Amino acid sequence: MTHDLPEQTLPLTDLPTTDLSDLYPDAPVFAPVFQEFGGRPRFTGRAVTLRVHENNPLVRERLGTPGEGRVLVVDGGGSLNCALLGGQLGELAEQGGWAGVIVNGCVRDTAELRGLNVGIRALAVHPRRSGKAATGERDVPLTFAGVTVNPGDLISADEDGILILPPHAHDPA
């Protein structure tokens, strides 16, 4: 299905990623390596970025701030050694109004995560919790899964994938 409307009138939050990809054929699309874990399969919001390695205090810190419909994008380096997000942090994301969390790494407490009204994507599941060192980088460009995400990029995710909309795309309503 294609839309012939001018882009400034498109309700981006209502369009599936397939239609958005047709409208913006050059929009970067994440490699299809992420699994869905949250209770909200479709989400759209501006990116907030973190780079951490096997430690999640910065994830907790960021999710403890108002999400305002944004998407936290966490580059955990693709580590499969521990989970960077679990049930408690998922609840924090939901309570804080985050639209979604994308983790280039693992999550745990998947039964709890599926019951939350927040989109959660990650590479895999791991029962081990992360370390507690408050190390990492905030609000930096991240490159993984074939794309680069910059703070403020508009992210759209659904059952068909995750893409980054062009800078001129308007904020979700």
Protein backbone atom coordinates (compact mmCIF):
# COMPACT_ATOMS: atom_id res chain seq x y z
CA MET A 1 0.00 0.00 0.00
CA THR A 2 1.41 3.38 -0.95
CA HIS A 3 0.39 6.84 0.18
CA ASP A 4 0.21 9.79 -2.18
CA LEU A 5 0.01 12.40 0.58
CA PRO A 6 2.75 14.99 0.99
CA GLU A 7 5.16 13.80 3.68
CA GLN A 8 4.36 16.65 6.07
CA THR A 9 0.78 15.36 6.45
CA LEU A 10 1.67 11.70 7.00
CA PRO A 11 0.73 10.28 10.40
CA LEU A 12 4.06 8.52 10.85
CA THR A 13 2.98 6.79 14.05
CA ASP A 14 0.12 5.12 12.17
CA LEU A 15 2.08 3.85 9.17
CA PRO A 16 3.66 0.40 9.14
CA THR A 17 7.39 0.21 8.49
CA THR A 18 6.68 -1.37 5.10
CA ASP A 19 4.83 1.76 3.97
CA LEU A 20 7.44 4.03 5.53
CA SER A 21 10.17 2.13 3.70
CA ASP A 22 8.26 2.62 0.44
CA LEU A 23 7.85 6.34 1.14
CA TYR A 24 11.49 6.75 2.22
CA PRO A 25 13.38 4.14 0.18
CA ASP A 26 16.75 5.44 1.40
CA ALA A 27 15.80 5.23 5.09
CA PRO A 28 18.27 2.99 6.95
CA VAL A 29 16.79 -0.29 8.15
CA PHE A 30 18.25 -2.32 11.01
CA ALA A 31 19.42 -5.80 10.02
CA PRO A 32 16.72 -8.31 11.01
CA VAL A 33 18.56 -9.58 14.08
CA PHE A 34 16.28 -8.29 16.85
CA GLN A 35 13.59 -10.22 18.67
CA GLU A 36 10.46 -8.65 20.12
CA PHE A 37 10.06 -8.83 23.91
CA GLY A 38 7.78 -5.99 25.02
CA GLY A 39 4.02 -5.77 25.07
CA ARG A 40 3.93 -3.03 22.41
CA PRO A 41 4.94 -4.45 19.02
CA ARG A 42 4.70 -1.06 17.24
CA PHE A 43 6.42 2.08 18.46
CA THR A 44 7.82 5.31 17.08
CA GLY A 45 9.89 7.97 18.80
CA ARG A 46 13.05 10.07 18.81
CA ALA A 47 16.24 8.21 19.69
CA VAL A 48 18.16 8.65 22.93
CA THR A 49 21.47 6.77 22.77
CA LEU A 50 23.73 4.92 25.20
CA ARG A 51 26.84 2.81 24.69
CA VAL A 52 27.57 0.36 27.53
CA HIS A 53 29.40 -2.94 27.91
CA GLU A 54 27.94 -5.59 30.20
CA ASN A 55 26.94 -2.96 32.80
CA ASN A 56 23.51 -1.34 33.03
CA PRO A 57 23.53 1.52 35.60
CA LEU A 58 23.41 4.10 32.78
CA VAL A 59 20.40 2.27 31.33
CA ARG A 60 18.63 2.48 34.69
CA GLU A 61 19.62 6.13 35.06
CA ARG A 62 18.27 7.09 31.63
CA LEU A 63 15.03 5.10 31.98
CA GLY A 64 14.49 6.89 35.30
CA THR A 65 14.05 10.17 33.41
CA PRO A 66 10.85 11.14 31.56
CA GLY A 67 10.73 9.24 28.27
CA GLU A 68 8.27 11.59 26.57
CA GLY A 69 7.55 8.97 23.92
CA ARG A 70 11.20 8.54 22.97
CA VAL A 71 13.12 5.34 22.16
CA LEU A 72 16.20 4.40 24.18
CA VAL A 73 18.76 2.80 21.87
CA VAL A 74 21.41 0.87 23.83
CA ASP A 75 24.53 -0.41 22.12
CA GLY A 76 25.77 -3.21 24.33
CA GLY A 77 28.33 -4.22 21.73
CA GLY A 78 26.25 -7.26 20.81
CA SER A 79 27.37 -9.00 24.00
CA LEU A 80 25.59 -12.28 24.71
CA ASN A 81 27.15 -12.64 28.19
CA CYS A 82 24.47 -10.95 30.34
CA ALA A 83 21.20 -9.01 30.19
CA LEU A 84 21.21 -5.22 30.06
CA LEU A 85 17.46 -4.90 30.67
CA GLY A 86 15.00 -6.95 32.72
CA GLY A 87 11.62 -6.66 34.35
CA GLN A 88 12.47 -3.84 36.77
CA LEU A 89 13.98 -1.63 34.07
CA GLY A 90 11.13 -2.50 31.71
CA GLU A 91 8.65 -1.30 34.34
CA LEU A 92 10.70 1.87 34.76
CA ALA A 93 10.50 2.44 30.99
CA GLU A 94 6.74 1.95 30.99
CA GLN A 95 6.18 4.21 34.01
CA GLY A 96 8.43 6.89 32.53
CA GLY A 97 6.56 7.07 29.24
CA TRP A 98 9.24 5.59 26.97
CA ALA A 99 7.86 4.31 23.65
CA GLY A 100 10.51 1.65 23.33
CA VAL A 101 13.96 0.29 24.08
CA ILE A 102 16.26 -1.30 21.50
CA VAL A 103 19.16 -3.29 22.99
CA ASN A 104 22.13 -4.47 20.95
CA GLY A 105 22.58 -7.18 23.56
CA CYS A 106 20.37 -9.31 25.81
CA VAL A 107 17.34 -8.96 28.06
CA ARG A 108 15.86 -11.17 30.78
CA ASP A 109 12.58 -11.55 32.68
CA THR A 110 10.83 -11.99 29.35
CA ALA A 111 7.45 -12.96 30.86
CA GLU A 112 7.41 -9.63 32.72
CA LEU A 113 8.57 -7.67 29.67
CA ARG A 114 5.75 -9.07 27.49
CA GLY A 115 3.20 -7.67 29.96
CA LEU A 116 4.47 -4.10 29.67
CA ASN A 117 3.11 -1.38 27.40
CA VAL A 118 6.52 -0.58 25.95
CA GLY A 119 8.27 -1.80 22.83
CA ILE A 120 11.39 -3.83 23.58
CA ARG A 121 13.77 -5.30 21.02
CA ALA A 122 16.99 -7.17 21.75
CA LEU A 123 19.26 -9.77 20.22
CA ALA A 124 18.58 -12.57 22.69
CA VAL A 125 17.70 -13.64 26.23
CA HIS A 126 20.21 -14.29 29.01
CA PRO A 127 19.41 -15.07 32.66
CA ARG A 128 22.54 -13.39 34.09
CA ARG A 129 22.26 -9.79 35.26
CA SER A 130 24.76 -7.22 34.10
CA GLY A 131 27.54 -5.65 36.09
CA LYS A 132 26.90 -2.49 38.08
CA ALA A 133 29.76 -0.23 36.99
CA ALA A 134 28.39 3.14 35.84
CA THR A 135 30.53 3.20 32.71
CA GLY A 136 29.62 4.05 29.15
CA GLU A 137 28.76 6.93 26.86
CA ARG A 138 25.57 8.98 26.61
CA ASP A 139 24.07 10.76 23.60
CA VAL A 140 26.60 9.52 21.03
CA PRO A 141 26.16 8.15 17.50
CA LEU A 142 25.85 4.35 17.57
CA THR A 143 26.63 1.97 14.71
CA PHE A 144 25.37 -1.62 14.82
CA ALA A 145 23.08 -3.97 12.87
CA GLY A 146 24.02 -2.20 9.64
CA VAL A 147 22.88 1.32 10.60
CA THR A 148 24.06 4.40 12.46
CA VAL A 149 21.66 5.93 14.99
CA ASN A 150 22.16 9.52 16.09
CA PRO A 151 20.52 11.10 19.13
CA GLY A 152 17.24 12.62 17.95
CA ASP A 153 16.77 10.34 14.93
CA LEU A 154 13.17 9.22 14.46
CA ILE A 155 12.89 5.46 14.97
CA SER A 156 9.89 3.42 13.80
CA ALA A 157 9.49 -0.24 14.74
CA ASP A 158 6.83 -2.86 14.15
CA GLU A 159 6.46 -6.55 13.39
CA ASP A 160 8.22 -6.10 10.04
CA GLY A 161 11.36 -4.34 11.24
CA ILE A 162 12.98 -1.19 12.56
CA LEU A 163 13.93 1.81 10.45
CA ILE A 164 15.35 5.27 10.91
CA LEU A 165 13.36 8.00 9.24
CA PRO A 166 15.07 10.90 7.49
CA PRO A 167 15.92 14.03 9.49
CA HIS A 168 13.11 16.04 7.86
CA ALA A 169 10.41 13.59 9.04
CA HIS A 170 8.17 15.25 11.61
CA ASP A 171 7.76 14.22 15.23
CA PRO A 172 5.01 11.74 16.05
CA ALA A 173 1.73 13.26 17.16
